[in-house]
Amino acid sequence: MLDSPRFFLFLTAAVLLAIAPGPGMLYVLARSLAGGKREGVLSAFGTFLGGMVHVLAAALGISIILAKSAMAFAAVKYVGAAYLCFLGVRMILDARTDNADPLPPDEPPLAATKPSRNPLWQGVATEVLNPKTALFFLSFIPQFVNRASGHLFVQFVLLGTISVCLNTSGDLIVIMLAGPLGNRIRSSATFRRRQRTATGAIMIGLGTYLAASDSK
């Protein structure tokens, strides 16, 4: 159903994106530092459920469109690739403007650090209500769907689930290393700039490659 070279490329890209600190990971890190590992795990599971909502919603809509029209498939492919490149450029530009002074070692990285009565559902709401997550899945997953193989809904859900699971695995690793990793992210503007620049370059390269590759 999924051709091996493209699936390997998907796994490579998904792993690199999963380990790159983003808003979701920083949110989970902040909850872990504020409320301990249990609260961090609940928050991570909440963002997992929220991510799956986006995957299923995107799969229901996009799979129908892609199955009906080869032109629509090509349009989604190129628009999605362009969006990935846009995200990469934006990350690099943001990295160059990240000149903020290091935060105190005991200060959490996000403002919203008060313990929540229900971190699980707050994690769900944080992810579900994030439009950037929806745009990401709408642009990223279709690049690796093999239209010629059929079963587009199943392909989309499978790839989306793998991506969300990898993201959650990265969050769980951050929870286990919340102390030293949190200090590193908070105190080093250079670390944040390099990370965002590297991730941005990966996104641009991925988008360019996918736009130039043959559609199936």
N, C-alpha and C. Protein backbone atom coordinates (compact mmCIF):
# COMPACT_ATOMS: atom_id res chain seq x y z
N MET A 1 0.83 -1.21 0.00
CA MET A 1 0.00 0.00 0.00
C MET A 1 0.86 1.25 0.00
N LEU A 2 1.89 1.30 0.83
CA LEU A 2 2.83 2.41 0.88
C LEU A 2 4.15 1.94 0.28
N ASP A 3 4.68 2.70 -0.71
CA ASP A 3 5.94 2.27 -1.29
C ASP A 3 7.06 2.52 -0.29
N SER A 4 8.03 1.60 -0.24
CA SER A 4 9.06 1.61 0.80
C SER A 4 9.92 2.86 0.82
N PRO A 5 10.44 3.35 -0.33
CA PRO A 5 11.29 4.54 -0.29
C PRO A 5 10.58 5.75 0.31
N ARG A 6 9.32 5.97 -0.11
CA ARG A 6 8.59 7.13 0.40
C ARG A 6 8.23 6.96 1.86
N PHE A 7 7.93 5.74 2.28
CA PHE A 7 7.63 5.50 3.69
C PHE A 7 8.87 5.73 4.55
N PHE A 8 10.04 5.32 4.05
CA PHE A 8 11.28 5.56 4.79
C PHE A 8 11.55 7.06 4.91
N LEU A 9 11.29 7.80 3.84
CA LEU A 9 11.45 9.24 3.88
C LEU A 9 10.49 9.86 4.89
N PHE A 10 9.26 9.35 4.90
CA PHE A 10 8.29 9.84 5.88
C PHE A 10 8.77 9.60 7.31
N LEU A 11 9.24 8.38 7.60
CA LEU A 11 9.72 8.08 8.95
C LEU A 11 10.88 8.98 9.34
N THR A 12 11.81 9.19 8.41
CA THR A 12 12.96 10.05 8.70
C THR A 12 12.51 11.46 9.04
N ALA A 13 11.63 12.01 8.20
CA ALA A 13 11.14 13.37 8.44
C ALA A 13 10.34 13.45 9.73
N ALA A 14 9.48 12.46 9.97
CA ALA A 14 8.64 12.47 11.16
C ALA A 14 9.47 12.39 12.44
N VAL A 15 10.52 11.57 12.43
CA VAL A 15 11.39 11.47 13.61
C VAL A 15 12.12 12.78 13.86
N LEU A 16 12.66 13.38 12.81
CA LEU A 16 13.38 14.65 12.96
C LEU A 16 12.47 15.74 13.49
N LEU A 17 11.24 15.77 12.99
CA LEU A 17 10.29 16.78 13.46
C LEU A 17 9.83 16.48 14.89
N ALA A 18 9.75 15.20 15.25
CA ALA A 18 9.30 14.84 16.59
C ALA A 18 10.30 15.24 17.67
N ILE A 19 11.59 15.20 17.34
CA ILE A 19 12.60 15.51 18.34
C ILE A 19 12.96 16.99 18.36
N ALA A 20 12.41 17.75 17.42
CA ALA A 20 12.68 19.19 17.39
C ALA A 20 11.71 19.90 18.32
N PRO A 21 12.21 20.63 19.33
CA PRO A 21 11.31 21.30 20.28
C PRO A 21 10.37 22.27 19.57
N GLY A 22 9.10 22.09 19.80
CA GLY A 22 8.07 22.97 19.25
C GLY A 22 7.13 23.42 20.35
N PRO A 23 6.06 24.16 20.00
CA PRO A 23 5.13 24.64 21.02
C PRO A 23 4.53 23.53 21.87
N GLY A 24 4.17 22.40 21.25
CA GLY A 24 3.58 21.30 22.01
C GLY A 24 4.55 20.71 23.01
N MET A 25 5.80 20.53 22.58
CA MET A 25 6.81 19.97 23.47
C MET A 25 7.11 20.93 24.62
N LEU A 26 7.19 22.23 24.31
CA LEU A 26 7.45 23.21 25.36
C LEU A 26 6.29 23.30 26.34
N TYR A 27 5.07 23.11 25.83
CA TYR A 27 3.91 23.10 26.72
C TYR A 27 3.99 21.93 27.70
N VAL A 28 4.31 20.74 27.18
CA VAL A 28 4.44 19.56 28.05
C VAL A 28 5.58 19.75 29.03
N LEU A 29 6.68 20.33 28.57
CA LEU A 29 7.82 20.59 29.45
C LEU A 29 7.42 21.53 30.59
N ALA A 30 6.68 22.57 30.24
CA ALA A 30 6.26 23.53 31.27
C ALA A 30 5.35 22.86 32.31
N ARG A 31 4.43 22.00 31.85
CA ARG A 31 3.55 21.33 32.79
C ARG A 31 4.31 20.36 33.67
N SER A 32 5.34 19.73 33.12
CA SER A 32 6.16 18.80 33.91
C SER A 32 6.93 19.54 34.99
N LEU A 33 7.49 20.69 34.63
CA LEU A 33 8.26 21.46 35.60
C LEU A 33 7.35 22.05 36.68
N ALA A 34 6.11 22.38 36.30
CA ALA A 34 5.20 23.00 37.26
C ALA A 34 4.51 21.99 38.16
N GLY A 35 4.12 20.83 37.59
CA GLY A 35 3.31 19.89 38.35
C GLY A 35 3.88 18.50 38.51
N GLY A 36 5.10 18.29 38.01
CA GLY A 36 5.70 16.97 38.15
C GLY A 36 5.46 16.09 36.94
N LYS A 37 6.08 14.89 36.97
CA LYS A 37 6.02 14.00 35.81
C LYS A 37 4.60 13.51 35.53
N ARG A 38 3.80 13.27 36.58
CA ARG A 38 2.44 12.78 36.35
C ARG A 38 1.65 13.79 35.53
N GLU A 39 1.73 15.05 35.88
CA GLU A 39 1.01 16.08 35.13
C GLU A 39 1.55 16.20 33.71
N GLY A 40 2.86 16.03 33.56
CA GLY A 40 3.45 16.07 32.24
C GLY A 40 2.96 14.94 31.36
N VAL A 41 2.87 13.73 31.93
CA VAL A 41 2.40 12.58 31.16
C VAL A 41 0.94 12.77 30.75
N LEU A 42 0.11 13.25 31.66
CA LEU A 42 -1.28 13.50 31.32
C LEU A 42 -1.40 14.55 30.22
N SER A 43 -0.58 15.58 30.29
CA SER A 43 -0.60 16.61 29.25
C SER A 43 -0.16 16.05 27.91
N ALA A 44 0.87 15.20 27.93
CA ALA A 44 1.34 14.58 26.68
C ALA A 44 0.27 13.68 26.07
N PHE A 45 -0.42 12.92 26.92
CA PHE A 45 -1.49 12.07 26.42
C PHE A 45 -2.64 12.91 25.87
N GLY A 46 -2.87 14.06 26.50
CA GLY A 46 -3.90 14.97 26.00
C GLY A 46 -3.55 15.52 24.62
N THR A 47 -2.29 15.92 24.42
CA THR A 47 -1.89 16.41 23.10
C THR A 47 -1.93 15.29 22.07
N PHE A 48 -1.68 14.04 22.51
CA PHE A 48 -1.80 12.90 21.60
C PHE A 48 -3.24 12.76 21.10
N LEU A 49 -4.20 12.80 22.03
CA LEU A 49 -5.61 12.69 21.64
C LEU A 49 -6.02 13.86 20.74
N GLY A 50 -5.54 15.06 21.08
CA GLY A 50 -5.84 16.21 20.25
C GLY A 50 -5.26 16.08 18.85
N GLY A 51 -4.05 15.54 18.76
CA GLY A 51 -3.44 15.32 17.46
C GLY A 51 -4.22 14.32 16.62
N MET A 52 -4.74 13.28 17.27
CA MET A 52 -5.51 12.27 16.54
C MET A 52 -6.83 12.85 16.02
N VAL A 53 -7.39 13.81 16.73
CA VAL A 53 -8.60 14.48 16.24
C VAL A 53 -8.29 15.16 14.91
N HIS A 54 -7.15 15.85 14.83
CA HIS A 54 -6.75 16.51 13.59
C HIS A 54 -6.50 15.49 12.48
N VAL A 55 -5.86 14.37 12.83
CA VAL A 55 -5.57 13.35 11.83
C VAL A 55 -6.86 12.81 11.23
N LEU A 56 -7.82 12.44 12.07
CA LEU A 56 -9.08 11.88 11.58
C LEU A 56 -9.88 12.90 10.79
N ALA A 57 -9.90 14.14 11.26
CA ALA A 57 -10.65 15.17 10.54
C ALA A 57 -10.03 15.43 9.17
N ALA A 58 -8.70 15.51 9.12
CA ALA A 58 -8.04 15.73 7.84
C ALA A 58 -8.22 14.54 6.91
N ALA A 59 -8.14 13.33 7.46
CA ALA A 59 -8.28 12.13 6.64
C ALA A 59 -9.66 12.05 6.01
N LEU A 60 -10.70 12.40 6.77
CA LEU A 60 -12.06 12.33 6.25
C LEU A 60 -12.27 13.27 5.07
N GLY A 61 -11.68 14.47 5.17
CA GLY A 61 -11.86 15.44 4.09
C GLY A 61 -10.91 15.23 2.93
N ILE A 62 -9.62 15.14 3.23
CA ILE A 62 -8.61 15.08 2.18
C ILE A 62 -8.69 13.78 1.39
N SER A 63 -8.93 12.66 2.06
CA SER A 63 -8.94 11.38 1.35
C SER A 63 -10.02 11.34 0.27
N ILE A 64 -11.17 11.95 0.55
CA ILE A 64 -12.24 11.98 -0.44
C ILE A 64 -11.83 12.82 -1.65
N ILE A 65 -11.22 13.97 -1.39
CA ILE A 65 -10.79 14.85 -2.47
C ILE A 65 -9.72 14.18 -3.33
N LEU A 66 -8.74 13.58 -2.67
CA LEU A 66 -7.64 12.97 -3.40
C LEU A 66 -8.10 11.77 -4.22
N ALA A 67 -9.10 11.06 -3.73
CA ALA A 67 -9.58 9.89 -4.46
C ALA A 67 -10.36 10.28 -5.71
N LYS A 68 -10.97 11.46 -5.72
CA LYS A 68 -11.83 11.86 -6.82
C LYS A 68 -11.08 12.51 -7.96
N SER A 69 -9.98 13.18 -7.69
CA SER A 69 -9.36 14.02 -8.71
C SER A 69 -7.84 13.98 -8.64
N ALA A 70 -7.22 13.63 -9.78
CA ALA A 70 -5.76 13.68 -9.85
C ALA A 70 -5.27 15.11 -9.79
N MET A 71 -6.05 16.04 -10.35
CA MET A 71 -5.67 17.46 -10.31
C MET A 71 -5.69 17.97 -8.87
N ALA A 72 -6.70 17.54 -8.09
CA ALA A 72 -6.77 17.94 -6.68
C ALA A 72 -5.59 17.36 -5.92
N PHE A 73 -5.21 16.14 -6.25
CA PHE A 73 -4.06 15.51 -5.60
C PHE A 73 -2.80 16.33 -5.85
N ALA A 74 -2.60 16.73 -7.10
CA ALA A 74 -1.42 17.53 -7.45
C ALA A 74 -1.46 18.89 -6.74
N ALA A 75 -2.67 19.49 -6.67
CA ALA A 75 -2.78 20.79 -6.01
C ALA A 75 -2.43 20.69 -4.53
N VAL A 76 -2.96 19.67 -3.86
CA VAL A 76 -2.65 19.47 -2.44
C VAL A 76 -1.16 19.24 -2.26
N LYS A 77 -0.56 18.48 -3.16
CA LYS A 77 0.86 18.17 -3.10
C LYS A 77 1.70 19.44 -3.16
N TYR A 78 1.43 20.30 -4.14
CA TYR A 78 2.28 21.48 -4.32
C TYR A 78 2.00 22.55 -3.26
N VAL A 79 0.74 22.73 -2.93
CA VAL A 79 0.42 23.69 -1.87
C VAL A 79 1.02 23.23 -0.53
N GLY A 80 0.93 21.94 -0.26
CA GLY A 80 1.50 21.41 0.98
C GLY A 80 3.00 21.56 1.02
N ALA A 81 3.67 21.26 -0.11
CA ALA A 81 5.13 21.40 -0.17
C ALA A 81 5.54 22.86 0.04
N ALA A 82 4.77 23.78 -0.57
CA ALA A 82 5.07 25.21 -0.41
C ALA A 82 4.89 25.63 1.05
N TYR A 83 3.87 25.07 1.71
CA TYR A 83 3.64 25.41 3.11
C TYR A 83 4.77 24.91 4.00
N LEU A 84 5.28 23.72 3.71
CA LEU A 84 6.42 23.20 4.46
C LEU A 84 7.63 24.10 4.29
N CYS A 85 7.89 24.56 3.06
CA CYS A 85 9.00 25.49 2.83
C CYS A 85 8.78 26.80 3.58
N PHE A 86 7.53 27.28 3.58
CA PHE A 86 7.20 28.51 4.30
C PHE A 86 7.49 28.36 5.80
N LEU A 87 7.09 27.21 6.36
CA LEU A 87 7.37 26.96 7.78
C LEU A 87 8.87 26.96 8.04
N GLY A 88 9.64 26.35 7.13
CA GLY A 88 11.09 26.30 7.30
C GLY A 88 11.71 27.68 7.28
N VAL A 89 11.30 28.52 6.32
CA VAL A 89 11.83 29.89 6.24
C VAL A 89 11.46 30.67 7.49
N ARG A 90 10.23 30.48 7.94
CA ARG A 90 9.78 31.20 9.14
C ARG A 90 10.57 30.78 10.37
N MET A 91 10.88 29.49 10.50
CA MET A 91 11.68 29.02 11.63
C MET A 91 13.07 29.66 11.61
N ILE A 92 13.68 29.72 10.43
CA ILE A 92 15.03 30.29 10.33
C ILE A 92 15.00 31.78 10.67
N LEU A 93 13.99 32.50 10.17
CA LEU A 93 13.89 33.93 10.47
C LEU A 93 13.63 34.16 11.95
N ASP A 94 12.76 33.31 12.55
CA ASP A 94 12.50 33.43 13.99
C ASP A 94 13.76 33.15 14.80
N ALA A 95 14.56 32.20 14.32
CA ALA A 95 15.79 31.86 15.04
C ALA A 95 16.74 33.04 15.07
N ARG A 96 16.79 33.81 13.99
CA ARG A 96 17.70 34.96 13.94
C ARG A 96 17.27 36.10 14.84
N THR A 97 15.98 36.13 15.18
CA THR A 97 15.49 37.20 16.06
C THR A 97 15.40 36.77 17.51
N ASP A 98 15.78 35.51 17.80
CA ASP A 98 15.72 35.01 19.18
C ASP A 98 16.97 35.44 19.92
N ASN A 99 16.95 36.69 20.38
CA ASN A 99 18.10 37.23 21.11
C ASN A 99 17.76 37.51 22.56
N ALA A 100 16.69 36.86 23.03
CA ALA A 100 16.25 37.10 24.41
C ALA A 100 17.30 36.63 25.40
N ASP A 101 17.38 37.34 26.52
CA ASP A 101 18.31 36.93 27.58
C ASP A 101 17.87 35.61 28.17
N PRO A 102 18.81 34.82 28.68
CA PRO A 102 18.45 33.55 29.30
C PRO A 102 17.47 33.75 30.44
N LEU A 103 16.53 32.85 30.57
CA LEU A 103 15.59 32.90 31.68
C LEU A 103 16.25 32.37 32.94
N PRO A 104 15.82 32.82 34.11
CA PRO A 104 16.37 32.28 35.35
C PRO A 104 16.18 30.78 35.39
N PRO A 105 17.13 30.04 36.00
CA PRO A 105 17.06 28.58 36.01
C PRO A 105 15.79 28.03 36.63
N ASP A 106 15.17 28.78 37.56
CA ASP A 106 13.99 28.25 38.22
C ASP A 106 12.69 28.75 37.61
N GLU A 107 12.77 29.42 36.45
CA GLU A 107 11.57 29.95 35.82
C GLU A 107 11.13 29.06 34.68
N PRO A 108 9.89 28.58 34.69
CA PRO A 108 9.40 27.71 33.62
C PRO A 108 9.40 28.44 32.29
N PRO A 109 9.50 27.74 31.16
CA PRO A 109 9.61 28.36 29.86
C PRO A 109 8.33 28.99 29.35
N LEU A 110 7.19 28.67 29.89
CA LEU A 110 5.94 29.25 29.46
C LEU A 110 5.26 29.95 30.62
N ALA A 111 4.41 30.89 30.25
CA ALA A 111 3.76 31.66 31.30
C ALA A 111 2.72 30.85 32.04
N ALA A 112 2.03 29.99 31.31
CA ALA A 112 0.93 29.24 31.92
C ALA A 112 1.46 28.03 32.66
N THR A 113 1.93 28.26 33.90
CA THR A 113 2.55 27.18 34.65
C THR A 113 1.77 26.79 35.89
N LYS A 114 0.62 27.41 36.12
CA LYS A 114 -0.16 27.03 37.28
C LYS A 114 -0.73 25.64 37.08
N PRO A 115 -0.65 24.80 38.08
CA PRO A 115 -1.17 23.45 37.91
C PRO A 115 -2.63 23.45 37.49
N SER A 116 -2.97 22.63 36.54
CA SER A 116 -4.35 22.51 36.07
C SER A 116 -5.06 21.40 36.83
N ARG A 117 -6.36 21.58 37.05
CA ARG A 117 -7.12 20.53 37.71
C ARG A 117 -7.23 19.30 36.80
N ASN A 118 -7.18 19.52 35.51
CA ASN A 118 -7.30 18.41 34.57
C ASN A 118 -6.33 18.62 33.41
N PRO A 119 -5.06 18.28 33.59
CA PRO A 119 -4.08 18.50 32.53
C PRO A 119 -4.34 17.67 31.28
N LEU A 120 -5.04 16.52 31.44
CA LEU A 120 -5.35 15.70 30.27
C LEU A 120 -6.23 16.47 29.29
N TRP A 121 -7.35 16.99 29.79
CA TRP A 121 -8.28 17.68 28.90
C TRP A 121 -7.74 19.03 28.46
N GLN A 122 -6.90 19.63 29.28
CA GLN A 122 -6.28 20.88 28.85
C GLN A 122 -5.32 20.59 27.69
N GLY A 123 -4.62 19.46 27.74
CA GLY A 123 -3.75 19.07 26.64
C GLY A 123 -4.54 18.81 25.37
N VAL A 124 -5.70 18.14 25.51
CA VAL A 124 -6.56 17.89 24.36
C VAL A 124 -6.99 19.22 23.74
N ALA A 125 -7.47 20.14 24.59
CA ALA A 125 -7.96 21.42 24.09
C ALA A 125 -6.84 22.23 23.45
N THR A 126 -5.66 22.20 24.06
CA THR A 126 -4.53 22.95 23.52
C THR A 126 -4.20 22.50 22.11
N GLU A 127 -4.24 21.19 21.86
CA GLU A 127 -3.89 20.67 20.54
C GLU A 127 -5.04 20.82 19.55
N VAL A 128 -6.26 20.51 19.97
CA VAL A 128 -7.40 20.57 19.06
C VAL A 128 -7.63 22.00 18.58
N LEU A 129 -7.45 22.98 19.46
CA LEU A 129 -7.72 24.37 19.11
C LEU A 129 -6.54 25.07 18.47
N ASN A 130 -5.49 24.31 18.15
CA ASN A 130 -4.31 24.90 17.51
C ASN A 130 -4.45 24.75 15.99
N PRO A 131 -4.74 25.83 15.25
CA PRO A 131 -4.92 25.71 13.80
C PRO A 131 -3.65 25.32 13.07
N LYS A 132 -2.49 25.62 13.67
CA LYS A 132 -1.22 25.26 13.03
C LYS A 132 -1.06 23.73 12.95
N THR A 133 -1.60 23.03 13.93
CA THR A 133 -1.53 21.57 13.89
C THR A 133 -2.35 21.03 12.72
N ALA A 134 -3.53 21.59 12.52
CA ALA A 134 -4.37 21.16 11.41
C ALA A 134 -3.68 21.44 10.07
N LEU A 135 -3.11 22.63 9.93
CA LEU A 135 -2.42 22.98 8.69
C LEU A 135 -1.23 22.06 8.45
N PHE A 136 -0.54 21.70 9.52
CA PHE A 136 0.63 20.83 9.37
C PHE A 136 0.22 19.47 8.82
N PHE A 137 -0.79 18.86 9.41
CA PHE A 137 -1.21 17.55 8.94
C PHE A 137 -1.77 17.61 7.52
N LEU A 138 -2.46 18.70 7.18
CA LEU A 138 -3.01 18.85 5.84
C LEU A 138 -1.92 19.02 4.79
N SER A 139 -0.76 19.52 5.19
CA SER A 139 0.34 19.73 4.24
C SER A 139 1.36 18.61 4.27
N PHE A 140 1.58 17.99 5.42
CA PHE A 140 2.65 17.01 5.57
C PHE A 140 2.23 15.61 5.13
N ILE A 141 1.13 15.11 5.65
CA ILE A 141 0.73 13.73 5.40
C ILE A 141 0.43 13.44 3.93
N PRO A 142 -0.31 14.32 3.22
CA PRO A 142 -0.63 14.00 1.82
C PRO A 142 0.60 13.81 0.93
N GLN A 143 1.75 14.36 1.33
CA GLN A 143 2.95 14.22 0.51
C GLN A 143 3.39 12.77 0.39
N PHE A 144 2.99 11.94 1.33
CA PHE A 144 3.48 10.56 1.39
C PHE A 144 2.39 9.53 1.07
N VAL A 145 1.20 10.02 0.74
CA VAL A 145 0.11 9.12 0.37
C VAL A 145 0.30 8.64 -1.06
N ASN A 146 0.16 7.35 -1.27
CA ASN A 146 0.28 6.76 -2.61
C ASN A 146 -1.11 6.62 -3.21
N ARG A 147 -1.47 7.55 -4.09
CA ARG A 147 -2.82 7.56 -4.65
C ARG A 147 -3.11 6.32 -5.49
N ALA A 148 -2.08 5.81 -6.17
CA ALA A 148 -2.28 4.66 -7.05
C ALA A 148 -2.64 3.39 -6.28
N SER A 149 -2.28 3.34 -5.01
CA SER A 149 -2.54 2.14 -4.22
C SER A 149 -3.95 2.09 -3.63
N GLY A 150 -4.66 3.23 -3.69
CA GLY A 150 -6.01 3.26 -3.12
C GLY A 150 -5.98 3.29 -1.60
N HIS A 151 -7.16 3.09 -0.99
CA HIS A 151 -7.30 3.09 0.48
C HIS A 151 -6.68 4.36 1.07
N LEU A 152 -7.01 5.50 0.50
CA LEU A 152 -6.38 6.76 0.91
C LEU A 152 -6.68 7.11 2.37
N PHE A 153 -7.91 6.84 2.80
CA PHE A 153 -8.26 7.14 4.19
C PHE A 153 -7.38 6.33 5.14
N VAL A 154 -7.22 5.03 4.85
CA VAL A 154 -6.40 4.17 5.71
C VAL A 154 -4.96 4.63 5.69
N GLN A 155 -4.42 4.98 4.52
CA GLN A 155 -3.05 5.46 4.43
C GLN A 155 -2.87 6.73 5.27
N PHE A 156 -3.82 7.65 5.13
CA PHE A 156 -3.72 8.92 5.84
C PHE A 156 -3.74 8.70 7.35
N VAL A 157 -4.68 7.87 7.81
CA VAL A 157 -4.80 7.62 9.25
C VAL A 157 -3.54 6.91 9.77
N LEU A 158 -3.02 5.95 9.00
CA LEU A 158 -1.82 5.23 9.42
C LEU A 158 -0.63 6.16 9.56
N LEU A 159 -0.38 6.97 8.54
CA LEU A 159 0.75 7.91 8.58
C LEU A 159 0.55 8.95 9.68
N GLY A 160 -0.66 9.45 9.81
CA GLY A 160 -0.94 10.44 10.85
C GLY A 160 -0.75 9.88 12.24
N THR A 161 -1.20 8.65 12.46
CA THR A 161 -1.05 8.01 13.77
C THR A 161 0.42 7.81 14.10
N ILE A 162 1.20 7.37 13.13
CA ILE A 162 2.64 7.20 13.35
C ILE A 162 3.27 8.53 13.73
N SER A 163 2.92 9.59 13.02
CA SER A 163 3.47 10.91 13.30
C SER A 163 3.11 11.38 14.70
N VAL A 164 1.84 11.22 15.09
CA VAL A 164 1.41 11.65 16.42
C VAL A 164 2.10 10.82 17.50
N CYS A 165 2.24 9.51 17.28
CA CYS A 165 2.91 8.65 18.25
C CYS A 165 4.37 9.05 18.43
N LEU A 166 5.04 9.39 17.34
CA LEU A 166 6.43 9.83 17.43
C LEU A 166 6.53 11.15 18.20
N ASN A 167 5.60 12.06 17.93
CA ASN A 167 5.60 13.33 18.67
C ASN A 167 5.39 13.10 20.16
N THR A 168 4.47 12.20 20.49
CA THR A 168 4.20 11.91 21.90
C THR A 168 5.41 11.23 22.55
N SER A 169 6.08 10.36 21.81
CA SER A 169 7.29 9.72 22.34
C SER A 169 8.34 10.76 22.67
N GLY A 170 8.49 11.76 21.78
CA GLY A 170 9.42 12.85 22.06
C GLY A 170 9.03 13.61 23.30
N ASP A 171 7.72 13.84 23.46
CA ASP A 171 7.25 14.54 24.67
C ASP A 171 7.56 13.75 25.93
N LEU A 172 7.37 12.43 25.87
CA LEU A 172 7.63 11.59 27.05
C LEU A 172 9.12 11.60 27.41
N ILE A 173 9.99 11.63 26.39
CA ILE A 173 11.42 11.72 26.67
C ILE A 173 11.74 13.04 27.35
N VAL A 174 11.09 14.11 26.88
CA VAL A 174 11.30 15.43 27.49
C VAL A 174 10.85 15.41 28.95
N ILE A 175 9.73 14.72 29.23
CA ILE A 175 9.24 14.64 30.61
C ILE A 175 10.26 13.95 31.51
N MET A 176 10.84 12.85 31.01
CA MET A 176 11.82 12.11 31.80
C MET A 176 13.08 12.94 32.05
N LEU A 177 13.40 13.84 31.11
CA LEU A 177 14.60 14.66 31.23
C LEU A 177 14.25 16.12 31.50
N ALA A 178 13.09 16.34 32.13
CA ALA A 178 12.57 17.69 32.28
C ALA A 178 13.55 18.64 32.97
N GLY A 179 14.25 18.17 33.99
CA GLY A 179 15.17 19.05 34.71
C GLY A 179 16.30 19.57 33.85
N PRO A 180 17.23 18.71 33.42
CA PRO A 180 18.37 19.18 32.64
C PRO A 180 17.98 19.74 31.28
N LEU A 181 17.00 19.13 30.61
CA LEU A 181 16.61 19.61 29.30
C LEU A 181 15.91 20.96 29.40
N GLY A 182 15.07 21.11 30.44
CA GLY A 182 14.40 22.38 30.63
C GLY A 182 15.39 23.50 30.87
N ASN A 183 16.41 23.25 31.70
CA ASN A 183 17.44 24.26 31.94
C ASN A 183 18.16 24.62 30.66
N ARG A 184 18.45 23.61 29.83
CA ARG A 184 19.17 23.84 28.58
C ARG A 184 18.37 24.72 27.64
N ILE A 185 17.08 24.40 27.47
CA ILE A 185 16.24 25.17 26.56
C ILE A 185 16.02 26.58 27.07
N ARG A 186 15.82 26.73 28.39
CA ARG A 186 15.55 28.05 28.97
C ARG A 186 16.76 28.94 28.95
N SER A 187 17.94 28.40 29.23
CA SER A 187 19.10 29.24 29.48
C SER A 187 19.93 29.54 28.25
N SER A 188 19.77 28.80 27.17
CA SER A 188 20.65 28.97 26.02
C SER A 188 19.88 29.45 24.79
N ALA A 189 20.02 30.77 24.50
CA ALA A 189 19.42 31.29 23.28
C ALA A 189 20.12 30.72 22.05
N THR A 190 21.42 30.47 22.18
CA THR A 190 22.18 29.88 21.06
C THR A 190 21.65 28.50 20.72
N PHE A 191 21.35 27.70 21.73
CA PHE A 191 20.78 26.36 21.50
C PHE A 191 19.45 26.46 20.76
N ARG A 192 18.59 27.39 21.18
CA ARG A 192 17.30 27.54 20.54
C ARG A 192 17.45 27.99 19.10
N ARG A 193 18.38 28.93 18.85
CA ARG A 193 18.58 29.41 17.49
C ARG A 193 19.07 28.30 16.57
N ARG A 194 20.04 27.52 17.06
CA ARG A 194 20.59 26.45 16.23
C ARG A 194 19.55 25.38 15.95
N GLN A 195 18.76 25.06 16.97
CA GLN A 195 17.73 24.04 16.78
C GLN A 195 16.70 24.48 15.76
N ARG A 196 16.24 25.72 15.86
CA ARG A 196 15.21 26.20 14.94
C ARG A 196 15.78 26.36 13.53
N THR A 197 17.02 26.77 13.41
CA THR A 197 17.64 26.89 12.10
C THR A 197 17.77 25.54 11.42
N ALA A 198 18.22 24.53 12.19
CA ALA A 198 18.36 23.19 11.64
C ALA A 198 17.01 22.62 11.22
N THR A 199 16.01 22.79 12.09
CA THR A 199 14.68 22.29 11.76
C THR A 199 14.11 23.00 10.54
N GLY A 200 14.32 24.32 10.47
CA GLY A 200 13.84 25.08 9.32
C GLY A 200 14.48 24.61 8.02
N ALA A 201 15.78 24.33 8.06
CA ALA A 201 16.47 23.83 6.87
C ALA A 201 15.91 22.47 6.45
N ILE A 202 15.60 21.62 7.43
CA ILE A 202 15.02 20.31 7.13
C ILE A 202 13.66 20.49 6.45
N MET A 203 12.84 21.39 6.95
CA MET A 203 11.51 21.61 6.38
C MET A 203 11.61 22.12 4.94
N ILE A 204 12.52 23.05 4.69
CA ILE A 204 12.69 23.59 3.34
C ILE A 204 13.16 22.49 2.40
N GLY A 205 14.15 21.70 2.85
CA GLY A 205 14.64 20.61 2.02
C GLY A 205 13.56 19.58 1.73
N LEU A 206 12.76 19.27 2.74
CA LEU A 206 11.70 18.29 2.56
C LEU A 206 10.65 18.80 1.58
N GLY A 207 10.23 20.05 1.76
CA GLY A 207 9.23 20.61 0.87
C GLY A 207 9.70 20.69 -0.57
N THR A 208 10.97 21.08 -0.76
CA THR A 208 11.53 21.17 -2.11
C THR A 208 11.61 19.79 -2.76
N TYR A 209 12.06 18.82 -2.00
CA TYR A 209 12.18 17.46 -2.55
C TYR A 209 10.82 16.90 -2.95
N LEU A 210 9.84 17.08 -2.09
CA LEU A 210 8.51 16.53 -2.36
C LEU A 210 7.84 17.23 -3.54
N ALA A 211 8.09 18.53 -3.68
CA ALA A 211 7.51 19.25 -4.81
C ALA A 211 8.13 18.78 -6.13
N ALA A 212 9.41 18.41 -6.10
CA ALA A 212 10.09 17.98 -7.31
C ALA A 212 9.88 16.51 -7.64
N SER A 213 9.42 15.72 -6.66
CA SER A 213 9.24 14.29 -6.89
C SER A 213 7.98 14.03 -7.67
N ASP A 214 7.88 12.85 -8.25
CA ASP A 214 6.72 12.49 -9.06
C ASP A 214 5.52 12.20 -8.17
N SER A 215 4.37 12.65 -8.59
CA SER A 215 3.12 12.31 -7.88
C SER A 215 2.68 10.91 -8.28
N LYS A 216 1.99 10.21 -7.35
CA LYS A 216 1.47 8.88 -7.66
C LYS A 216 -0.01 8.83 -7.36
